[in-house]
Amino acid sequence: MPGFYRLLGAAALASVMLGLTLVGAVPLRVSLYAQEKSVKPGINDAFKNPDINKYLKTFEGESREIYQQRQKIVGVCGLRAGMIVADIGAGTGLFTRLFAQEVGPEGKVYAVDISEKFLAYIERTCREAGLRNVITVQGSDVSPNLPSNSVDLVFICDTYHHFEYPFRMMTAIHKALKPQGRVVLIDFHRIPGKSSEWVLGHVRAGQEVFEKEILSCGFRRLREEKELGLKENYCLIFEKVSSDQQESPKSGK
């Protein structure tokens, strides 16, 4: 029996050490397992039947710094003619239409959103603008529903904090990107004592947490864009890496 207890103790110690190792590395399989529950239940309820006019004022109003700096933001995306771009959480299509002009008729823009009303609005406004290189896609809570290895760049603007299952969503985005495909992430600074009460209540975590989550899903950080004139938001650019090149969340700084 003493030998049995020693064996049992060794097994328990090994289990603890393994758990610590997994927590530190945040491997993808553990991250996915942890995503059985939403990190922010109900955050997207307002988009089930959105008031388009209301969100036009919110998303495309002069008071929004993202709207004010939209041309600079498009510039840092480094788009070229013929590229394929996915605008995740496209909303009213502000950046979808700008991207469609940049990539030209030989390129393509996937406008991805969970709201059918937003997608219908994007289809209509693109048709009116003569933009025929936009494809609307209804995404889900866990996937943008894009073809594998199909996209050069994924754009996520003030949308990542709406991902109820961020690890599953970023894993699906990783799958949709071509090798060395890029992710441009813009989201709100969340700093207690500095950020607004709305941000503190609405956005579940700050830049460091979101960055670690993305790195754990098979990406490396390329840079942070700090010359966009943004005060409420930050802008990070990531690159897809293959499974044998994946970095830990502490890398890419």
C-alpha atoms as a PDB file:
ATOM      1  CA  MET A   1       0.000   0.000   0.000  1.00  0.00           C
ATOM      2  CA  PRO A   2       2.764   2.545   0.740  1.00  0.00           C
ATOM      3  CA  GLY A   3       3.985   2.023  -2.810  1.00  0.00           C
ATOM      4  CA  PHE A   4       0.482   2.658  -4.093  1.00  0.00           C
ATOM      5  CA  TYR A   5       0.249   5.968  -2.216  1.00  0.00           C
ATOM      6  CA  ARG A   6       3.643   7.049  -3.486  1.00  0.00           C
ATOM      7  CA  LEU A   7       2.461   6.294  -7.017  1.00  0.00           C
ATOM      8  CA  LEU A   8      -0.772   8.173  -6.410  1.00  0.00           C
ATOM      9  CA  GLY A   9       1.138  11.177  -5.054  1.00  0.00           C
ATOM     10  CA  ALA A  10       3.493  11.192  -8.010  1.00  0.00           C
ATOM     11  CA  ALA A  11       0.541  11.097 -10.384  1.00  0.00           C
ATOM     12  CA  ALA A  12      -1.113  14.007  -8.581  1.00  0.00           C
ATOM     13  CA  LEU A  13       2.101  16.057  -8.711  1.00  0.00           C
ATOM     14  CA  ALA A  14       2.490  15.315 -12.414  1.00  0.00           C
ATOM     15  CA  SER A  15      -1.100  16.411 -12.981  1.00  0.00           C
ATOM     16  CA  VAL A  16      -0.500  19.707 -11.161  1.00  0.00           C
ATOM     17  CA  MET A  17       2.700  20.368 -13.096  1.00  0.00           C
ATOM     18  CA  LEU A  18       0.956  19.613 -16.361  1.00  0.00           C
ATOM     19  CA  GLY A  19      -1.854  21.980 -15.424  1.00  0.00           C
ATOM     20  CA  LEU A  20       0.599  24.776 -14.673  1.00  0.00           C
ATOM     21  CA  THR A  21       2.382  24.181 -17.946  1.00  0.00           C
ATOM     22  CA  LEU A  22      -0.867  24.304 -19.886  1.00  0.00           C
ATOM     23  CA  VAL A  23      -2.035  27.464 -18.146  1.00  0.00           C
ATOM     24  CA  GLY A  24       1.224  29.194 -18.984  1.00  0.00           C
ATOM     25  CA  ALA A  25       1.265  28.131 -22.604  1.00  0.00           C
ATOM     26  CA  VAL A  26      -2.501  28.402 -23.226  1.00  0.00           C
ATOM     27  CA  PRO A  27      -2.391  25.749 -25.961  1.00  0.00           C
ATOM     28  CA  LEU A  28      -5.079  25.916 -28.586  1.00  0.00           C
ATOM     29  CA  ARG A  29      -6.815  22.671 -27.587  1.00  0.00           C
ATOM     30  CA  VAL A  30      -7.164  23.899 -23.977  1.00  0.00           C
ATOM     31  CA  SER A  31      -8.395  27.293 -25.156  1.00  0.00           C
ATOM     32  CA  LEU A  32     -11.047  25.630 -27.298  1.00  0.00           C
ATOM     33  CA  TYR A  33     -12.101  23.381 -24.441  1.00  0.00           C
ATOM     34  CA  ALA A  34     -12.526  26.427 -22.238  1.00  0.00           C
ATOM     35  CA  GLN A  35     -14.800  28.015 -24.827  1.00  0.00           C
ATOM     36  CA  GLU A  36     -17.856  25.915 -24.086  1.00  0.00           C
ATOM     37  CA  LYS A  37     -19.401  28.967 -22.404  1.00  0.00           C
ATOM     38  CA  SER A  38     -19.826  32.499 -23.708  1.00  0.00           C
ATOM     39  CA  VAL A  39     -17.459  35.080 -22.218  1.00  0.00           C
ATOM     40  CA  LYS A  40     -20.116  37.814 -22.533  1.00  0.00           C
ATOM     41  CA  PRO A  41     -23.638  36.385 -22.871  1.00  0.00           C
ATOM     42  CA  GLY A  42     -26.142  38.681 -24.549  1.00  0.00           C
ATOM     43  CA  ILE A  43     -23.637  41.229 -25.845  1.00  0.00           C
ATOM     44  CA  ASN A  44     -24.922  40.823 -29.400  1.00  0.00           C
ATOM     45  CA  ASP A  45     -28.648  40.847 -28.645  1.00  0.00           C
ATOM     46  CA  ALA A  46     -29.001  44.395 -29.975  1.00  0.00           C
ATOM     47  CA  PHE A  47     -27.848  43.227 -33.415  1.00  0.00           C
ATOM     48  CA  LYS A  48     -30.598  40.660 -33.843  1.00  0.00           C
ATOM     49  CA  ASN A  49     -32.879  43.405 -35.160  1.00  0.00           C
ATOM     50  CA  PRO A  50     -30.756  46.567 -35.385  1.00  0.00           C
ATOM     51  CA  ASP A  51     -32.082  50.044 -36.124  1.00  0.00           C
ATOM     52  CA  ILE A  52     -30.010  50.892 -39.204  1.00  0.00           C
ATOM     53  CA  ASN A  53     -30.417  54.671 -38.884  1.00  0.00           C
ATOM     54  CA  LYS A  54     -29.344  54.542 -35.255  1.00  0.00           C
ATOM     55  CA  TYR A  55     -26.188  52.597 -36.057  1.00  0.00           C
ATOM     56  CA  LEU A  56     -25.380  54.781 -39.038  1.00  0.00           C
ATOM     57  CA  LYS A  57     -25.119  57.687 -36.602  1.00  0.00           C
ATOM     58  CA  THR A  58     -23.030  55.574 -34.237  1.00  0.00           C
ATOM     59  CA  PHE A  59     -20.686  53.907 -36.727  1.00  0.00           C
ATOM     60  CA  GLU A  60     -20.420  56.650 -39.357  1.00  0.00           C
ATOM     61  CA  GLY A  61     -20.813  59.769 -37.265  1.00  0.00           C
ATOM     62  CA  GLU A  62     -18.191  62.501 -37.127  1.00  0.00           C
ATOM     63  CA  SER A  63     -17.918  62.106 -33.350  1.00  0.00           C
ATOM     64  CA  ARG A  64     -16.473  58.596 -33.728  1.00  0.00           C
ATOM     65  CA  GLU A  65     -12.688  58.720 -33.944  1.00  0.00           C
ATOM     66  CA  ILE A  66     -12.640  55.574 -36.081  1.00  0.00           C
ATOM     67  CA  TYR A  67     -14.734  57.401 -38.668  1.00  0.00           C
ATOM     68  CA  GLN A  68     -12.541  60.494 -38.438  1.00  0.00           C
ATOM     69  CA  GLN A  69      -9.377  58.454 -39.072  1.00  0.00           C
ATOM     70  CA  ARG A  70     -10.893  55.970 -41.541  1.00  0.00           C
ATOM     71  CA  GLN A  71      -8.536  56.821 -44.398  1.00  0.00           C
ATOM     72  CA  LYS A  72      -5.448  56.419 -42.190  1.00  0.00           C
ATOM     73  CA  ILE A  73      -6.807  53.102 -40.943  1.00  0.00           C
ATOM     74  CA  VAL A  74      -7.306  51.864 -44.496  1.00  0.00           C
ATOM     75  CA  GLY A  75      -3.755  52.979 -45.247  1.00  0.00           C
ATOM     76  CA  VAL A  76      -2.141  50.838 -42.519  1.00  0.00           C
ATOM     77  CA  CYS A  77      -3.938  47.769 -43.868  1.00  0.00           C
ATOM     78  CA  GLY A  78      -1.550  47.816 -46.832  1.00  0.00           C
ATOM     79  CA  LEU A  79      -4.145  46.764 -49.371  1.00  0.00           C
ATOM     80  CA  ARG A  80      -3.296  46.142 -52.999  1.00  0.00           C
ATOM     81  CA  ALA A  81      -5.325  45.490 -56.114  1.00  0.00           C
ATOM     82  CA  GLY A  82      -6.526  41.911 -56.278  1.00  0.00           C
ATOM     83  CA  MET A  83      -6.371  41.186 -52.541  1.00  0.00           C
ATOM     84  CA  ILE A  84      -9.120  39.347 -50.701  1.00  0.00           C
ATOM     85  CA  VAL A  85     -10.241  41.001 -47.468  1.00  0.00           C
ATOM     86  CA  ALA A  86     -12.728  39.989 -44.763  1.00  0.00           C
ATOM     87  CA  ASP A  87     -14.417  42.751 -42.768  1.00  0.00           C
ATOM     88  CA  ILE A  88     -15.548  40.937 -39.621  1.00  0.00           C
ATOM     89  CA  GLY A  89     -18.439  42.660 -37.877  1.00  0.00           C
ATOM     90  CA  ALA A  90     -18.969  44.824 -40.939  1.00  0.00           C
ATOM     91  CA  GLY A  91     -21.953  46.648 -39.453  1.00  0.00           C
ATOM     92  CA  THR A  92     -23.162  49.363 -41.827  1.00  0.00           C
ATOM     93  CA  GLY A  93     -20.325  48.652 -44.253  1.00  0.00           C
ATOM     94  CA  LEU A  94     -18.156  51.707 -43.671  1.00  0.00           C
ATOM     95  CA  PHE A  95     -14.877  49.861 -44.170  1.00  0.00           C
ATOM     96  CA  THR A  96     -16.327  47.256 -46.522  1.00  0.00           C
ATOM     97  CA  ARG A  97     -16.958  49.941 -49.146  1.00  0.00           C
ATOM     98  CA  LEU A  98     -13.568  51.584 -48.601  1.00  0.00           C
ATOM     99  CA  PHE A  99     -11.789  48.233 -48.902  1.00  0.00           C
ATOM    100  CA  ALA A 100     -13.721  47.365 -52.059  1.00  0.00           C
ATOM    101  CA  GLN A 101     -12.401  50.505 -53.717  1.00  0.00           C
ATOM    102  CA  GLU A 102      -8.832  49.715 -52.658  1.00  0.00           C
ATOM    103  CA  VAL A 103      -8.686  46.104 -53.885  1.00  0.00           C
ATOM    104  CA  GLY A 104     -10.413  46.935 -57.158  1.00  0.00           C
ATOM    105  CA  PRO A 105     -12.539  44.767 -59.438  1.00  0.00           C
ATOM    106  CA  GLU A 106     -10.001  41.922 -59.365  1.00  0.00           C
ATOM    107  CA  GLY A 107     -10.100  41.825 -55.577  1.00  0.00           C
ATOM    108  CA  LYS A 108     -12.844  40.766 -53.225  1.00  0.00           C
ATOM    109  CA  VAL A 109     -14.267  41.869 -49.891  1.00  0.00           C
ATOM    110  CA  TYR A 110     -16.251  39.568 -47.638  1.00  0.00           C
ATOM    111  CA  ALA A 111     -18.598  41.620 -45.455  1.00  0.00           C
ATOM    112  CA  VAL A 112     -19.229  39.368 -42.456  1.00  0.00           C
ATOM    113  CA  ASP A 113     -21.851  40.058 -39.826  1.00  0.00           C
ATOM    114  CA  ILE A 114     -24.333  38.159 -37.670  1.00  0.00           C
ATOM    115  CA  SER A 115     -27.125  40.587 -38.588  1.00  0.00           C
ATOM    116  CA  GLU A 116     -29.179  39.968 -41.720  1.00  0.00           C
ATOM    117  CA  LYS A 117     -30.359  43.594 -41.676  1.00  0.00           C
ATOM    118  CA  PHE A 118     -26.795  44.919 -41.725  1.00  0.00           C
ATOM    119  CA  LEU A 119     -25.908  42.587 -44.581  1.00  0.00           C
ATOM    120  CA  ALA A 120     -28.957  43.646 -46.598  1.00  0.00           C
ATOM    121  CA  TYR A 121     -28.001  47.286 -46.079  1.00  0.00           C
ATOM    122  CA  ILE A 122     -24.435  46.604 -47.231  1.00  0.00           C
ATOM    123  CA  GLU A 123     -25.683  44.802 -50.347  1.00  0.00           C
ATOM    124  CA  ARG A 124     -27.918  47.743 -51.251  1.00  0.00           C
ATOM    125  CA  THR A 125     -25.341  50.473 -50.639  1.00  0.00           C
ATOM    126  CA  CYS A 126     -22.635  48.592 -52.521  1.00  0.00           C
ATOM    127  CA  ARG A 127     -24.979  48.052 -55.447  1.00  0.00           C
ATOM    128  CA  GLU A 128     -25.847  51.757 -55.466  1.00  0.00           C
ATOM    129  CA  ALA A 129     -22.127  52.623 -55.378  1.00  0.00           C
ATOM    130  CA  GLY A 130     -21.368  50.280 -58.267  1.00  0.00           C
ATOM    131  CA  LEU A 131     -19.201  48.019 -56.101  1.00  0.00           C
ATOM    132  CA  ARG A 132     -19.522  44.493 -57.488  1.00  0.00           C
ATOM    133  CA  ASN A 133     -16.644  42.906 -55.604  1.00  0.00           C
ATOM    134  CA  VAL A 134     -18.407  42.641 -52.224  1.00  0.00           C
ATOM    135  CA  ILE A 135     -19.838  39.363 -50.937  1.00  0.00           C
ATOM    136  CA  THR A 136     -21.972  39.396 -47.793  1.00  0.00           C
ATOM    137  CA  VAL A 137     -21.640  36.466 -45.388  1.00  0.00           C
ATOM    138  CA  GLN A 138     -23.709  35.797 -42.296  1.00  0.00           C
ATOM    139  CA  GLY A 139     -21.314  34.692 -39.583  1.00  0.00           C
ATOM    140  CA  SER A 140     -22.126  32.853 -36.377  1.00  0.00           C
ATOM    141  CA  ASP A 141     -21.051  33.241 -32.769  1.00  0.00           C
ATOM    142  CA  VAL A 142     -18.123  30.883 -33.370  1.00  0.00           C
ATOM    143  CA  SER A 143     -17.125  31.368 -37.008  1.00  0.00           C
ATOM    144  CA  PRO A 144     -17.079  33.926 -39.831  1.00  0.00           C
ATOM    145  CA  ASN A 145     -18.140  31.083 -42.159  1.00  0.00           C
ATOM    146  CA  LEU A 146     -15.428  31.766 -44.713  1.00  0.00           C
ATOM    147  CA  PRO A 147     -13.682  29.250 -46.985  1.00  0.00           C
ATOM    148  CA  SER A 148     -10.368  27.829 -45.779  1.00  0.00           C
ATOM    149  CA  ASN A 149      -7.163  29.549 -46.960  1.00  0.00           C
ATOM    150  CA  SER A 150      -9.179  32.161 -48.847  1.00  0.00           C
ATOM    151  CA  VAL A 151      -8.378  35.544 -47.294  1.00  0.00           C
ATOM    152  CA  ASP A 152      -5.298  37.781 -47.362  1.00  0.00           C
ATOM    153  CA  LEU A 153      -6.378  40.117 -44.565  1.00  0.00           C
ATOM    154  CA  VAL A 154      -8.980  40.048 -41.808  1.00  0.00           C
ATOM    155  CA  PHE A 155     -10.150  43.372 -40.384  1.00  0.00           C
ATOM    156  CA  ILE A 156     -11.735  43.410 -36.900  1.00  0.00           C
ATOM    157  CA  CYS A 157     -12.722  46.923 -35.828  1.00  0.00           C
ATOM    158  CA  ASP A 158     -14.424  47.464 -32.451  1.00  0.00           C
ATOM    159  CA  THR A 159     -15.776  43.939 -32.857  1.00  0.00           C
ATOM    160  CA  TYR A 160     -13.400  41.609 -31.019  1.00  0.00           C
ATOM    161  CA  HIS A 161     -14.987  42.482 -27.675  1.00  0.00           C
ATOM    162  CA  HIS A 162     -18.265  41.240 -29.189  1.00  0.00           C
ATOM    163  CA  PHE A 163     -16.845  37.756 -29.769  1.00  0.00           C
ATOM    164  CA  GLU A 164     -18.676  35.538 -27.295  1.00  0.00           C
ATOM    165  CA  TYR A 165     -16.311  32.657 -28.084  1.00  0.00           C
ATOM    166  CA  PRO A 166     -13.042  34.436 -28.970  1.00  0.00           C
ATOM    167  CA  PHE A 167     -10.800  31.348 -29.121  1.00  0.00           C
ATOM    168  CA  ARG A 168     -13.166  29.475 -31.391  1.00  0.00           C
ATOM    169  CA  MET A 169     -13.701  32.538 -33.570  1.00  0.00           C
ATOM    170  CA  MET A 170      -9.984  33.280 -33.915  1.00  0.00           C
ATOM    171  CA  THR A 171      -9.294  29.626 -34.696  1.00  0.00           C
ATOM    172  CA  ALA A 172     -11.863  29.816 -37.501  1.00  0.00           C
ATOM    173  CA  ILE A 173     -10.298  33.065 -38.727  1.00  0.00           C
ATOM    174  CA  HIS A 174      -6.869  31.418 -38.663  1.00  0.00           C
ATOM    175  CA  LYS A 175      -8.256  28.659 -40.855  1.00  0.00           C
ATOM    176  CA  ALA A 176      -9.775  31.163 -43.299  1.00  0.00           C
ATOM    177  CA  LEU A 177      -6.519  33.100 -43.746  1.00  0.00           C
ATOM    178  CA  LYS A 178      -3.955  32.241 -46.361  1.00  0.00           C
ATOM    179  CA  PRO A 179      -0.381  31.477 -45.159  1.00  0.00           C
ATOM    180  CA  GLN A 180       1.126  34.672 -43.696  1.00  0.00           C
ATOM    181  CA  GLY A 181      -2.289  36.279 -43.850  1.00  0.00           C
ATOM    182  CA  ARG A 182      -2.749  39.264 -41.559  1.00  0.00           C
ATOM    183  CA  VAL A 183      -5.235  40.407 -38.937  1.00  0.00           C
ATOM    184  CA  VAL A 184      -5.791  44.101 -38.247  1.00  0.00           C
ATOM    185  CA  LEU A 185      -7.367  44.517 -34.821  1.00  0.00           C
ATOM    186  CA  ILE A 186      -8.823  47.774 -33.550  1.00  0.00           C
ATOM    187  CA  ASP A 187     -10.539  47.878 -30.190  1.00  0.00           C
ATOM    188  CA  PHE A 188     -11.097  50.098 -27.186  1.00  0.00           C
ATOM    189  CA  HIS A 189      -8.517  50.853 -24.551  1.00  0.00           C
ATOM    190  CA  ARG A 190      -9.951  49.517 -21.301  1.00  0.00           C
ATOM    191  CA  ILE A 191      -8.103  51.164 -18.432  1.00  0.00           C
ATOM    192  CA  PRO A 192      -9.801  51.482 -15.023  1.00  0.00           C
ATOM    193  CA  GLY A 193      -9.760  55.072 -13.869  1.00  0.00           C
ATOM    194  CA  LYS A 194      -9.133  56.336 -17.383  1.00  0.00           C
ATOM    195  CA  SER A 195     -11.610  54.727 -19.774  1.00  0.00           C
ATOM    196  CA  SER A 196     -15.250  55.789 -19.799  1.00  0.00           C
ATOM    197  CA  GLU A 197     -17.829  54.003 -17.672  1.00  0.00           C
ATOM    198  CA  TRP A 198     -19.435  52.724 -20.871  1.00  0.00           C
ATOM    199  CA  VAL A 199     -16.191  51.072 -22.020  1.00  0.00           C
ATOM    200  CA  LEU A 200     -15.520  49.589 -18.589  1.00  0.00           C
ATOM    201  CA  GLY A 201     -18.982  48.066 -18.517  1.00  0.00           C
ATOM    202  CA  HIS A 202     -19.204  47.020 -22.163  1.00  0.00           C
ATOM    203  CA  VAL A 203     -15.700  45.825 -23.074  1.00  0.00           C
ATOM    204  CA  ARG A 204     -14.760  42.721 -21.083  1.00  0.00           C
ATOM    205  CA  ALA A 205     -10.954  43.115 -21.098  1.00  0.00           C
ATOM    206  CA  GLY A 206      -8.080  45.305 -22.173  1.00  0.00           C
ATOM    207  CA  GLN A 207      -5.443  45.187 -24.874  1.00  0.00           C
ATOM    208  CA  GLU A 208      -3.074  42.803 -23.094  1.00  0.00           C
ATOM    209  CA  VAL A 209      -5.746  40.137 -22.595  1.00  0.00           C
ATOM    210  CA  PHE A 210      -7.052  40.335 -26.163  1.00  0.00           C
ATOM    211  CA  GLU A 211      -3.511  40.189 -27.522  1.00  0.00           C
ATOM    212  CA  LYS A 212      -2.680  37.061 -25.523  1.00  0.00           C
ATOM    213  CA  GLU A 213      -5.856  35.371 -26.704  1.00  0.00           C
ATOM    214  CA  ILE A 214      -5.022  36.032 -30.342  1.00  0.00           C
ATOM    215  CA  LEU A 215      -1.407  34.929 -29.983  1.00  0.00           C
ATOM    216  CA  SER A 216      -2.566  31.650 -28.449  1.00  0.00           C
ATOM    217  CA  CYS A 217      -4.611  30.884 -31.568  1.00  0.00           C
ATOM    218  CA  GLY A 218      -1.695  30.705 -33.996  1.00  0.00           C
ATOM    219  CA  PHE A 219      -0.688  34.309 -34.660  1.00  0.00           C
ATOM    220  CA  ARG A 220       2.342  36.469 -34.058  1.00  0.00           C
ATOM    221  CA  ARG A 221       2.275  40.186 -33.445  1.00  0.00           C
ATOM    222  CA  LEU A 222       3.868  42.296 -36.164  1.00  0.00           C
ATOM    223  CA  ARG A 223       3.423  45.778 -34.719  1.00  0.00           C
ATOM    224  CA  GLU A 224       1.185  48.317 -33.068  1.00  0.00           C
ATOM    225  CA  GLU A 225       0.156  51.328 -35.125  1.00  0.00           C
ATOM    226  CA  LYS A 226       0.444  54.397 -32.894  1.00  0.00           C
ATOM    227  CA  GLU A 227       0.326  57.191 -35.473  1.00  0.00           C
ATOM    228  CA  LEU A 228      -3.332  56.967 -36.424  1.00  0.00           C
ATOM    229  CA  GLY A 229      -4.520  59.744 -34.153  1.00  0.00           C
ATOM    230  CA  LEU A 230      -6.555  57.339 -32.042  1.00  0.00           C
ATOM    231  CA  LYS A 231      -7.119  58.083 -28.364  1.00  0.00           C
ATOM    232  CA  GLU A 232      -9.941  55.735 -27.377  1.00  0.00           C
ATOM    233  CA  ASN A 233      -8.747  52.819 -29.501  1.00  0.00           C
ATOM    234  CA  TYR A 234      -5.556  50.884 -30.265  1.00  0.00           C
ATOM    235  CA  CYS A 235      -4.549  49.162 -33.480  1.00  0.00           C
ATOM    236  CA  LEU A 236      -2.544  45.917 -33.608  1.00  0.00           C
ATOM    237  CA  ILE A 237      -1.431  43.908 -36.622  1.00  0.00           C
ATOM    238  CA  PHE A 238      -0.908  40.142 -36.438  1.00  0.00           C
ATOM    239  CA  GLU A 239       0.265  37.509 -38.894  1.00  0.00           C
ATOM    240  CA  LYS A 240      -0.875  33.915 -39.237  1.00  0.00           C
ATOM    241  CA  VAL A 241       1.810  31.356 -38.465  1.00  0.00           C
ATOM    242  CA  SER A 242       1.792  27.636 -39.125  1.00  0.00           C
ATOM    243  CA  SER A 243       1.343  25.157 -36.265  1.00  0.00           C
ATOM    244  CA  ASP A 244       5.076  24.444 -36.013  1.00  0.00           C
ATOM    245  CA  GLN A 245       5.838  28.176 -35.712  1.00  0.00           C
ATOM    246  CA  GLN A 246       3.256  29.144 -33.096  1.00  0.00           C
ATOM    247  CA  GLU A 247       4.537  31.431 -30.395  1.00  0.00           C
ATOM    248  CA  SER A 248       3.574  31.646 -26.771  1.00  0.00           C
ATOM    249  CA  PRO A 249       1.387  34.556 -25.595  1.00  0.00           C
ATOM    250  CA  LYS A 250       4.465  36.313 -24.220  1.00  0.00           C
ATOM    251  CA  SER A 251       6.166  36.575 -27.592  1.00  0.00           C
ATOM    252  CA  GLY A 252       5.749  39.118 -30.325  1.00  0.00           C
ATOM    253  CA  LYS A 253       6.250  42.096 -28.066  1.00  0.00           C
END
